[in-house]
């Protein structure tokens, strides 16, 4: 972990999941996300000790395991409050909801891993903020994901943007609501700031091109699904063809992450009246609408 100062009071820890730090005064800080497990939490606490800082609170951009994984150990050792917004509170307090939602029922034991199911921590509603921080909605990737702006003109953007490398390698990046994600991409275009820090990307001074690349991939996946559904097609067959089209490798984690994402695309395309859904031979099938 590398601590990088990006403003008078704003820092971040460069990590597989970038961790924001906002200094309230000489000795007290707020954290923005905590990484993917207790080891990340311990490393954060070590940096806090080295700097002579006390953690006054944690704000999670959203409740996915790689953003709340360090919550438990940090909260146990410091007693700090943890804040989330909306539905994200439920998932942070009860992380089993994440694999349950992805699987669509009581999850397989194989899905109760640290990548999909963090350790529980006690979270409360984000209703007020320390002076110098602002919160704004960035729904889409998750139910109620937020972005956070500091008064150093630095933005922490959660998982609202995916790197070009990830787009090119994996193509189908996880999201919960396609329409909300596209709306959030439009919000990102309007943000004036000095520096933008997505959770899994190097800090950016200009994110214009990356926003467009994210939007184009959403449009590409939508077009691929519509092409697959020229005739009535079951979800299982759609998922199989998506994996084959993008040359993805199926495993248990990917089956639920990509599967849940494709279901979200199907809901979006049905809502836009580009697909229709009906029952055929006791199977739920999707078919492209003919205008």
Foldseek 3Di string as FASTA:
>chain_A
DDWADDFPFWIWDDDQFIKIWGHLDQAEIEIEFQAQACVSLVVVVVVSVVSNHAYQEYEYLAQFRGRCRNVPVNCVVRVHAYEYADPRQVCQQPVQVQQCVLVVHNHDPVQCDSRRGHDHDHHDYDDDDRPQKDWDFQAWLHHTGIKMAGNRQEIEDEPLFDDPVCCLQPLQAFTQAHVSSLVNLVVVVPRDGQWYHYGRDPIDRDCVVRSVVVVVSLVVLLVLLQVVQQDWDALVVSLVVVCVVSVHDDDPVCCSRSSSRVVNSVVVCVVVVQWDWDADPNGITIHGDDD
